[in-house]
PDB file of N, CA and C in Angstrom:
ATOM      1  N   MET A   1       7.403   6.344 -29.787  1.00  0.00           N
ATOM      2  CA  MET A   1       8.192   6.776 -28.597  1.00  0.00           C
ATOM      3  C   MET A   1       7.265   6.618 -27.320  1.00  0.00           C
ATOM      4  N   LYS A   2       7.793   5.975 -26.330  1.00  0.00           N
ATOM      5  CA  LYS A   2       7.023   5.659 -25.128  1.00  0.00           C
ATOM      6  C   LYS A   2       6.812   6.998 -24.238  1.00  0.00           C
ATOM      7  N   LYS A   3       5.677   7.200 -23.798  1.00  0.00           N
ATOM      8  CA  LYS A   3       5.278   8.279 -22.969  1.00  0.00           C
ATOM      9  C   LYS A   3       5.813   8.257 -21.560  1.00  0.00           C
ATOM     10  N   LEU A   4       6.525   9.136 -20.978  1.00  0.00           N
ATOM     11  CA  LEU A   4       7.033   9.049 -19.718  1.00  0.00           C
ATOM     12  C   LEU A   4       5.743   9.152 -18.633  1.00  0.00           C
ATOM     13  N   GLN A   5       6.011   8.345 -17.665  1.00  0.00           N
ATOM     14  CA  GLN A   5       5.011   8.422 -16.597  1.00  0.00           C
ATOM     15  C   GLN A   5       5.637   9.121 -15.255  1.00  0.00           C
ATOM     16  N   TRP A   6       4.940   9.881 -14.580  1.00  0.00           N
ATOM     17  CA  TRP A   6       5.487  10.553 -13.387  1.00  0.00           C
ATOM     18  C   TRP A   6       4.771  10.026 -12.319  1.00  0.00           C
ATOM     19  N   LEU A   7       5.458  10.014 -11.090  1.00  0.00           N
ATOM     20  CA  LEU A   7       4.820   9.677  -9.835  1.00  0.00           C
ATOM     21  C   LEU A   7       4.608  11.078  -9.166  1.00  0.00           C
ATOM     22  N   LYS A   8       3.364  11.214  -8.631  1.00  0.00           N
ATOM     23  CA  LYS A   8       2.975  12.352  -7.947  1.00  0.00           C
ATOM     24  C   LYS A   8       2.609  11.850  -6.522  1.00  0.00           C
ATOM     25  N   THR A   9       3.203  12.659  -5.548  1.00  0.00           N
ATOM     26  CA  THR A   9       2.957  12.399  -4.085  1.00  0.00           C
ATOM     27  C   THR A   9       2.972  13.623  -3.450  1.00  0.00           C
ATOM     28  N   LYS A  10       2.629  13.546  -2.087  1.00  0.00           N
ATOM     29  CA  LYS A  10       2.593  14.758  -1.262  1.00  0.00           C
ATOM     30  C   LYS A  10       4.062  14.993  -0.680  1.00  0.00           C
ATOM     31  N   VAL A  11       4.375  16.192  -0.534  1.00  0.00           N
ATOM     32  CA  VAL A  11       5.552  16.566   0.246  1.00  0.00           C
ATOM     33  C   VAL A  11       5.402  16.657   1.641  1.00  0.00           C
ATOM     34  N   GLY A  12       6.330  16.475   2.503  1.00  0.00           N
ATOM     35  CA  GLY A  12       6.113  16.538   3.881  1.00  0.00           C
ATOM     36  C   GLY A  12       5.459  15.347   4.404  1.00  0.00           C
ATOM     37  N   LEU A  13       5.498  14.198   3.672  1.00  0.00           N
ATOM     38  CA  LEU A  13       4.830  12.934   4.093  1.00  0.00           C
ATOM     39  C   LEU A  13       5.245  12.415   5.405  1.00  0.00           C
ATOM     40  N   PHE A  14       6.544  12.623   5.689  1.00  0.00           N
ATOM     41  CA  PHE A  14       7.056  12.054   6.955  1.00  0.00           C
ATOM     42  C   PHE A  14       6.786  12.969   8.115  1.00  0.00           C
ATOM     43  N   LEU A  15       6.066  14.007   7.965  1.00  0.00           N
ATOM     44  CA  LEU A  15       5.605  14.836   9.086  1.00  0.00           C
ATOM     45  C   LEU A  15       4.176  14.491   9.363  1.00  0.00           C
ATOM     46  N   ASP A  16       3.545  13.713   8.574  1.00  0.00           N
ATOM     47  CA  ASP A  16       2.135  13.280   8.810  1.00  0.00           C
ATOM     48  C   ASP A  16       2.024  12.441  10.058  1.00  0.00           C
ATOM     49  N   PRO A  17       1.115  12.760  10.981  1.00  0.00           N
ATOM     50  CA  PRO A  17       1.026  11.892  12.302  1.00  0.00           C
ATOM     51  C   PRO A  17       0.835  10.550  11.972  1.00  0.00           C
ATOM     52  N   ARG A  18       0.016  10.162  10.900  1.00  0.00           N
ATOM     53  CA  ARG A  18      -0.200   8.691  10.611  1.00  0.00           C
ATOM     54  C   ARG A  18       1.092   8.005  10.266  1.00  0.00           C
ATOM     55  N   ILE A  19       1.914   8.680   9.488  1.00  0.00           N
ATOM     56  CA  ILE A  19       3.333   8.044   9.148  1.00  0.00           C
ATOM     57  C   ILE A  19       4.122   7.933  10.222  1.00  0.00           C
ATOM     58  N   LEU A  20       4.197   9.031  11.125  1.00  0.00           N
ATOM     59  CA  LEU A  20       4.980   8.865  12.276  1.00  0.00           C
ATOM     60  C   LEU A  20       4.437   7.747  13.243  1.00  0.00           C
ATOM     61  N   TYR A  21       3.153   7.623  13.358  1.00  0.00           N
ATOM     62  CA  TYR A  21       2.616   6.507  14.151  1.00  0.00           C
ATOM     63  C   TYR A  21       3.196   5.239  13.570  1.00  0.00           C
ATOM     64  N   LEU A  22       3.038   5.048  12.273  1.00  0.00           N
ATOM     65  CA  LEU A  22       3.435   3.738  11.743  1.00  0.00           C
ATOM     66  C   LEU A  22       4.940   3.478  11.883  1.00  0.00           C
ATOM     67  N   MET A  23       5.804   4.485  11.805  1.00  0.00           N
ATOM     68  CA  MET A  23       7.244   4.389  11.910  1.00  0.00           C
ATOM     69  C   MET A  23       7.556   3.948  13.311  1.00  0.00           C
ATOM     70  N   ASN A  24       6.765   4.214  14.241  1.00  0.00           N
ATOM     71  CA  ASN A  24       7.026   3.824  15.721  1.00  0.00           C
ATOM     72  C   ASN A  24       6.554   2.471  16.000  1.00  0.00           C
ATOM     73  N   LEU A  25       5.773   1.831  15.088  1.00  0.00           N
ATOM     74  CA  LEU A  25       5.240   0.495  15.313  1.00  0.00           C
ATOM     75  C   LEU A  25       6.362  -0.588  15.045  1.00  0.00           C
ATOM     76  N   PRO A  26       6.402  -1.772  15.698  1.00  0.00           N
ATOM     77  CA  PRO A  26       7.286  -2.789  15.285  1.00  0.00           C
ATOM     78  C   PRO A  26       6.983  -3.071  13.723  1.00  0.00           C
ATOM     79  N   ASN A  27       7.833  -3.139  12.967  1.00  0.00           N
ATOM     80  CA  ASN A  27       7.720  -3.393  11.458  1.00  0.00           C
ATOM     81  C   ASN A  27       7.045  -2.179  10.820  1.00  0.00           C
ATOM     82  N   GLY A  28       6.922  -1.051  11.426  1.00  0.00           N
ATOM     83  CA  GLY A  28       6.298   0.074  10.830  1.00  0.00           C
ATOM     84  C   GLY A  28       6.864   0.584   9.518  1.00  0.00           C
ATOM     85  N   ASP A  29       8.186   0.492   9.398  1.00  0.00           N
ATOM     86  CA  ASP A  29       8.818   0.903   8.122  1.00  0.00           C
ATOM     87  C   ASP A  29       8.392   0.063   7.020  1.00  0.00           C
ATOM     88  N   SER A  30       8.167  -1.282   7.266  1.00  0.00           N
ATOM     89  CA  SER A  30       7.827  -2.237   6.223  1.00  0.00           C
ATOM     90  C   SER A  30       6.273  -2.006   5.847  1.00  0.00           C
ATOM     91  N   TYR A  31       5.598  -1.543   6.904  1.00  0.00           N
ATOM     92  CA  TYR A  31       4.106  -1.217   6.547  1.00  0.00           C
ATOM     93  C   TYR A  31       4.016   0.018   5.656  1.00  0.00           C
ATOM     94  N   ILE A  32       5.020   0.848   5.807  1.00  0.00           N
ATOM     95  CA  ILE A  32       4.962   2.045   4.967  1.00  0.00           C
ATOM     96  C   ILE A  32       5.367   1.564   3.523  1.00  0.00           C
ATOM     97  N   VAL A  33       6.323   0.557   3.334  1.00  0.00           N
ATOM     98  CA  VAL A  33       6.581   0.057   2.090  1.00  0.00           C
ATOM     99  C   VAL A  33       5.355  -0.648   1.495  1.00  0.00           C
ATOM    100  N   LEU A  34       4.614  -1.313   2.311  1.00  0.00           N
ATOM    101  CA  LEU A  34       3.401  -1.999   1.916  1.00  0.00           C
ATOM    102  C   LEU A  34       2.331  -0.883   1.446  1.00  0.00           C
ATOM    103  N   TRP A  35       2.273   0.159   2.062  1.00  0.00           N
ATOM    104  CA  TRP A  35       1.389   1.297   1.589  1.00  0.00           C
ATOM    105  C   TRP A  35       1.742   1.832   0.316  1.00  0.00           C
ATOM    106  N   PHE A  36       3.076   1.960   0.141  1.00  0.00           N
ATOM    107  CA  PHE A  36       3.530   2.519  -1.275  1.00  0.00           C
ATOM    108  C   PHE A  36       3.311   1.543  -2.283  1.00  0.00           C
ATOM    109  N   PHE A  37       3.477   0.171  -1.984  1.00  0.00           N
ATOM    110  CA  PHE A  37       3.085  -0.902  -2.939  1.00  0.00           C
ATOM    111  C   PHE A  37       1.630  -0.796  -3.383  1.00  0.00           C
ATOM    112  N   LEU A  38       0.814  -0.632  -2.379  1.00  0.00           N
ATOM    113  CA  LEU A  38      -0.667  -0.557  -2.675  1.00  0.00           C
ATOM    114  C   LEU A  38      -1.050   0.780  -3.491  1.00  0.00           C
ATOM    115  N   LYS A  39      -0.426   1.816  -3.200  1.00  0.00           N
ATOM    116  CA  LYS A  39      -0.462   3.064  -3.905  1.00  0.00           C
ATOM    117  C   LYS A  39      -0.090   2.880  -5.366  1.00  0.00           C
ATOM    118  N   ASP A  40       0.942   2.116  -5.467  1.00  0.00           N
ATOM    119  CA  ASP A  40       1.518   1.902  -6.874  1.00  0.00           C
ATOM    120  C   ASP A  40       0.511   1.060  -7.686  1.00  0.00           C
ATOM    121  N   MET A  41       0.077   0.014  -6.994  1.00  0.00           N
ATOM    122  CA  MET A  41      -0.886  -0.810  -7.647  1.00  0.00           C
ATOM    123  C   MET A  41      -2.137  -0.135  -8.024  1.00  0.00           C
ATOM    124  N   ALA A  42      -2.690   0.646  -7.174  1.00  0.00           N
ATOM    125  CA  ALA A  42      -3.881   1.457  -7.454  1.00  0.00           C
ATOM    126  C   ALA A  42      -3.725   2.533  -8.561  1.00  0.00           C
ATOM    127  N   GLY A  43      -2.483   2.950  -8.679  1.00  0.00           N
ATOM    128  CA  GLY A  43      -2.157   3.886  -9.742  1.00  0.00           C
ATOM    129  C   GLY A  43      -2.047   3.133 -11.173  1.00  0.00           C
ATOM    130  N   MET A  44      -1.631   1.895 -11.059  1.00  0.00           N
ATOM    131  CA  MET A  44      -1.577   1.099 -12.284  1.00  0.00           C
ATOM    132  C   MET A  44      -2.967   0.689 -12.762  1.00  0.00           C
ATOM    133  N   VAL A  45      -3.856   0.373 -11.894  1.00  0.00           N
ATOM    134  CA  VAL A  45      -5.196  -0.030 -12.244  1.00  0.00           C
ATOM    135  C   VAL A  45      -5.912   1.237 -12.575  1.00  0.00           C
ATOM    136  N   ASN A  46      -5.774   2.353 -11.934  1.00  0.00           N
ATOM    137  CA  ASN A  46      -6.450   3.654 -12.132  1.00  0.00           C
ATOM    138  C   ASN A  46      -7.937   3.552 -12.234  1.00  0.00           C
ATOM    139  N   ASP A  47      -8.572   3.004 -11.116  1.00  0.00           N
ATOM    140  CA  ASP A  47     -10.034   2.766 -11.038  1.00  0.00           C
ATOM    141  C   ASP A  47     -10.449   3.351  -9.711  1.00  0.00           C
ATOM    142  N   ASP A  48     -10.245   4.585  -9.488  1.00  0.00           N
ATOM    143  CA  ASP A  48     -10.725   5.268  -8.277  1.00  0.00           C
ATOM    144  C   ASP A  48     -10.092   4.701  -6.914  1.00  0.00           C
ATOM    145  N   GLY A  49      -8.845   4.312  -7.069  1.00  0.00           N
ATOM    146  CA  GLY A  49      -8.220   3.799  -5.904  1.00  0.00           C
ATOM    147  C   GLY A  49      -8.292   2.324  -5.721  1.00  0.00           C
ATOM    148  N   LYS A  50      -9.216   1.652  -6.476  1.00  0.00           N
ATOM    149  CA  LYS A  50      -9.461   0.125  -6.250  1.00  0.00           C
ATOM    150  C   LYS A  50      -8.195  -0.694  -6.771  1.00  0.00           C
ATOM    151  N   ILE A  51      -7.909  -1.732  -6.032  1.00  0.00           N
ATOM    152  CA  ILE A  51      -6.944  -2.652  -6.625  1.00  0.00           C
ATOM    153  C   ILE A  51      -7.378  -4.031  -6.835  1.00  0.00           C
ATOM    154  N   TYR A  52      -7.190  -4.512  -7.949  1.00  0.00           N
ATOM    155  CA  TYR A  52      -7.561  -5.982  -8.338  1.00  0.00           C
ATOM    156  C   TYR A  52      -6.601  -6.512  -9.399  1.00  0.00           C
ATOM    157  N   VAL A  53      -6.566  -7.677  -9.599  1.00  0.00           N
ATOM    158  CA  VAL A  53      -5.753  -8.376 -10.544  1.00  0.00           C
ATOM    159  C   VAL A  53      -6.421  -8.306 -12.021  1.00  0.00           C
ATOM    160  N   SER A  54      -7.751  -8.599 -11.988  1.00  0.00           N
ATOM    161  CA  SER A  54      -8.597  -8.385 -13.141  1.00  0.00           C
ATOM    162  C   SER A  54      -9.989  -7.950 -12.628  1.00  0.00           C
ATOM    163  N   GLU A  55     -10.800  -7.622 -13.504  1.00  0.00           N
ATOM    164  CA  GLU A  55     -12.266  -7.168 -13.043  1.00  0.00           C
ATOM    165  C   GLU A  55     -12.941  -8.288 -12.280  1.00  0.00           C
ATOM    166  N   THR A  56     -12.499  -9.461 -12.363  1.00  0.00           N
ATOM    167  CA  THR A  56     -13.233 -10.565 -11.802  1.00  0.00           C
ATOM    168  C   THR A  56     -12.447 -11.260 -10.699  1.00  0.00           C
ATOM    169  N   GLU A  57     -11.138 -10.681 -10.379  1.00  0.00           N
ATOM    170  CA  GLU A  57     -10.150 -11.398  -9.450  1.00  0.00           C
ATOM    171  C   GLU A  57      -9.506 -10.246  -8.668  1.00  0.00           C
ATOM    172  N   ALA A  58      -9.833 -10.330  -7.428  1.00  0.00           N
ATOM    173  CA  ALA A  58      -9.266  -9.385  -6.415  1.00  0.00           C
ATOM    174  C   ALA A  58      -7.757  -9.710  -6.171  1.00  0.00           C
ATOM    175  N   LEU A  59      -7.052  -8.576  -5.801  1.00  0.00           N
ATOM    176  CA  LEU A  59      -5.638  -8.762  -5.292  1.00  0.00           C
ATOM    177  C   LEU A  59      -5.699  -9.098  -3.826  1.00  0.00           C
ATOM    178  N   THR A  60      -5.448 -10.522  -3.534  1.00  0.00           N
ATOM    179  CA  THR A  60      -5.510 -11.066  -2.234  1.00  0.00           C
ATOM    180  C   THR A  60      -4.345 -10.761  -1.336  1.00  0.00           C
ATOM    181  N   THR A  61      -4.407 -10.983  -0.079  1.00  0.00           N
ATOM    182  CA  THR A  61      -3.377 -10.906   0.862  1.00  0.00           C
ATOM    183  C   THR A  61      -2.239 -11.692   0.406  1.00  0.00           C
ATOM    184  N   GLN A  62      -2.707 -12.990  -0.126  1.00  0.00           N
ATOM    185  CA  GLN A  62      -1.647 -13.976  -0.369  1.00  0.00           C
ATOM    186  C   GLN A  62      -0.906 -13.544  -1.608  1.00  0.00           C
ATOM    187  N   LEU A  63      -1.463 -12.825  -2.470  1.00  0.00           N
ATOM    188  CA  LEU A  63      -0.660 -12.373  -3.786  1.00  0.00           C
ATOM    189  C   LEU A  63       0.061 -11.216  -3.337  1.00  0.00           C
ATOM    190  N   ILE A  64      -0.313 -10.309  -2.457  1.00  0.00           N
ATOM    191  CA  ILE A  64       0.556  -9.217  -2.007  1.00  0.00           C
ATOM    192  C   ILE A  64       1.725  -9.712  -1.179  1.00  0.00           C
ATOM    193  N   ALA A  65       1.496 -10.739  -0.333  1.00  0.00           N
ATOM    194  CA  ALA A  65       2.644 -11.379   0.355  1.00  0.00           C
ATOM    195  C   ALA A  65       3.549 -11.938  -0.673  1.00  0.00           C
ATOM    196  N   LYS A  66       3.154 -12.628  -1.583  1.00  0.00           N
ATOM    197  CA  LYS A  66       4.102 -13.235  -2.661  1.00  0.00           C
ATOM    198  C   LYS A  66       4.872 -12.107  -3.365  1.00  0.00           C
ATOM    199  N   SER A  67       4.089 -10.976  -3.775  1.00  0.00           N
ATOM    200  CA  SER A  67       4.949  -9.963  -4.369  1.00  0.00           C
ATOM    201  C   SER A  67       5.920  -9.223  -3.655  1.00  0.00           C
ATOM    202  N   LEU A  68       5.647  -9.102  -2.392  1.00  0.00           N
ATOM    203  CA  LEU A  68       6.497  -8.338  -1.523  1.00  0.00           C
ATOM    204  C   LEU A  68       7.574  -9.267  -0.689  1.00  0.00           C
ATOM    205  N   HIS A  69       7.482 -10.568  -0.925  1.00  0.00           N
ATOM    206  CA  HIS A  69       8.245 -11.693  -0.312  1.00  0.00           C
ATOM    207  C   HIS A  69       8.131 -11.515   1.239  1.00  0.00           C
ATOM    208  N   ARG A  70       6.887 -11.490   1.625  1.00  0.00           N
ATOM    209  CA  ARG A  70       6.618 -11.539   3.105  1.00  0.00           C
ATOM    210  C   ARG A  70       5.536 -12.592   3.330  1.00  0.00           C
ATOM    211  N   ARG A  71       5.366 -12.870   4.517  1.00  0.00           N
ATOM    212  CA  ARG A  71       4.243 -13.760   4.984  1.00  0.00           C
ATOM    213  C   ARG A  71       2.857 -13.169   5.071  1.00  0.00           C
ATOM    214  N   GLN A  72       1.957 -14.013   4.823  1.00  0.00           N
ATOM    215  CA  GLN A  72       0.596 -13.413   4.744  1.00  0.00           C
ATOM    216  C   GLN A  72       0.205 -12.843   6.053  1.00  0.00           C
ATOM    217  N   PRO A  73       0.492 -13.397   7.232  1.00  0.00           N
ATOM    218  CA  PRO A  73       0.121 -12.623   8.513  1.00  0.00           C
ATOM    219  C   PRO A  73       0.652 -11.377   8.632  1.00  0.00           C
ATOM    220  N   PHE A  74       2.022 -11.178   8.103  1.00  0.00           N
ATOM    221  CA  PHE A  74       2.544  -9.838   8.138  1.00  0.00           C
ATOM    222  C   PHE A  74       1.710  -8.883   7.346  1.00  0.00           C
ATOM    223  N   ILE A  75       1.307  -9.161   6.083  1.00  0.00           N
ATOM    224  CA  ILE A  75       0.610  -8.442   5.197  1.00  0.00           C
ATOM    225  C   ILE A  75      -0.826  -8.084   5.859  1.00  0.00           C
ATOM    226  N   GLU A  76      -1.523  -9.149   6.436  1.00  0.00           N
ATOM    227  CA  GLU A  76      -2.798  -8.869   7.163  1.00  0.00           C
ATOM    228  C   GLU A  76      -2.662  -7.807   8.398  1.00  0.00           C
ATOM    229  N   ASN A  77      -1.559  -7.952   9.026  1.00  0.00           N
ATOM    230  CA  ASN A  77      -1.326  -6.968  10.250  1.00  0.00           C
ATOM    231  C   ASN A  77      -1.022  -5.623   9.618  1.00  0.00           C
ATOM    232  N   GLY A  78      -0.193  -5.595   8.622  1.00  0.00           N
ATOM    233  CA  GLY A  78       0.087  -4.265   7.939  1.00  0.00           C
ATOM    234  C   GLY A  78      -1.158  -3.486   7.429  1.00  0.00           C
ATOM    235  N   LEU A  79      -1.976  -4.331   6.792  1.00  0.00           N
ATOM    236  CA  LEU A  79      -3.308  -3.789   6.354  1.00  0.00           C
ATOM    237  C   LEU A  79      -4.220  -3.314   7.356  1.00  0.00           C
ATOM    238  N   LYS A  80      -4.256  -3.908   8.500  1.00  0.00           N
ATOM    239  CA  LYS A  80      -4.959  -3.532   9.727  1.00  0.00           C
ATOM    240  C   LYS A  80      -4.383  -2.213  10.163  1.00  0.00           C
ATOM    241  N   ALA A  81      -3.042  -2.037  10.356  1.00  0.00           N
ATOM    242  CA  ALA A  81      -2.478  -0.838  10.659  1.00  0.00           C
ATOM    243  C   ALA A  81      -2.680   0.327   9.761  1.00  0.00           C
ATOM    244  N   LEU A  82      -2.548   0.056   8.458  1.00  0.00           N
ATOM    245  CA  LEU A  82      -2.982   1.039   7.561  1.00  0.00           C
ATOM    246  C   LEU A  82      -4.435   1.580   7.546  1.00  0.00           C
ATOM    247  N   GLU A  83      -5.263   0.577   7.733  1.00  0.00           N
ATOM    248  CA  GLU A  83      -6.743   0.942   7.803  1.00  0.00           C
ATOM    249  C   GLU A  83      -7.020   1.714   9.116  1.00  0.00           C
ATOM    250  N   GLN A  84      -6.348   1.349  10.147  1.00  0.00           N
ATOM    251  CA  GLN A  84      -6.505   1.866  11.461  1.00  0.00           C
ATOM    252  C   GLN A  84      -6.121   3.439  11.326  1.00  0.00           C
ATOM    253  N   VAL A  85      -5.220   3.900  10.642  1.00  0.00           N
ATOM    254  CA  VAL A  85      -4.792   5.231  10.531  1.00  0.00           C
ATOM    255  C   VAL A  85      -5.425   5.933   9.319  1.00  0.00           C
ATOM    256  N   ASP A  86      -6.340   5.294   8.643  1.00  0.00           N
ATOM    257  CA  ASP A  86      -7.118   5.776   7.545  1.00  0.00           C
ATOM    258  C   ASP A  86      -6.132   6.110   6.292  1.00  0.00           C
ATOM    259  N   LEU A  87      -5.156   5.207   6.007  1.00  0.00           N
ATOM    260  CA  LEU A  87      -4.387   5.329   4.859  1.00  0.00           C
ATOM    261  C   LEU A  87      -4.961   4.411   3.773  1.00  0.00           C
ATOM    262  N   ILE A  88      -5.685   3.396   4.061  1.00  0.00           N
ATOM    263  CA  ILE A  88      -6.507   2.492   3.135  1.00  0.00           C
ATOM    264  C   ILE A  88      -7.867   2.347   3.705  1.00  0.00           C
ATOM    265  N   GLU A  89      -8.697   1.803   2.845  1.00  0.00           N
ATOM    266  CA  GLU A  89     -10.104   1.510   3.262  1.00  0.00           C
ATOM    267  C   GLU A  89     -10.397   0.138   2.509  1.00  0.00           C
ATOM    268  N   ARG A  90     -11.033  -0.823   3.240  1.00  0.00           N
ATOM    269  CA  ARG A  90     -11.368  -2.050   2.652  1.00  0.00           C
ATOM    270  C   ARG A  90     -12.858  -2.239   2.642  1.00  0.00           C
TER     271      ARG A  90
END
């Protein structure tokens, strides 16, 4: 029998000033989707928040763009916005 996995996140997330800031940016709602994608990937790898394809291959902006069906410049801008509000660290 397969063990159920649960998603755990904070409540009141959309009251967080960082999320409110992102929501008011052009494409901000898509940046939030990007952030959730990154959180999901980090949870799957489960290595102290680090994200990679394998221990020798990083998850590149090109791979993220392909996974989310977005252009690479969009992903790069989104990562900058997430980093600016301390939701990710590179």
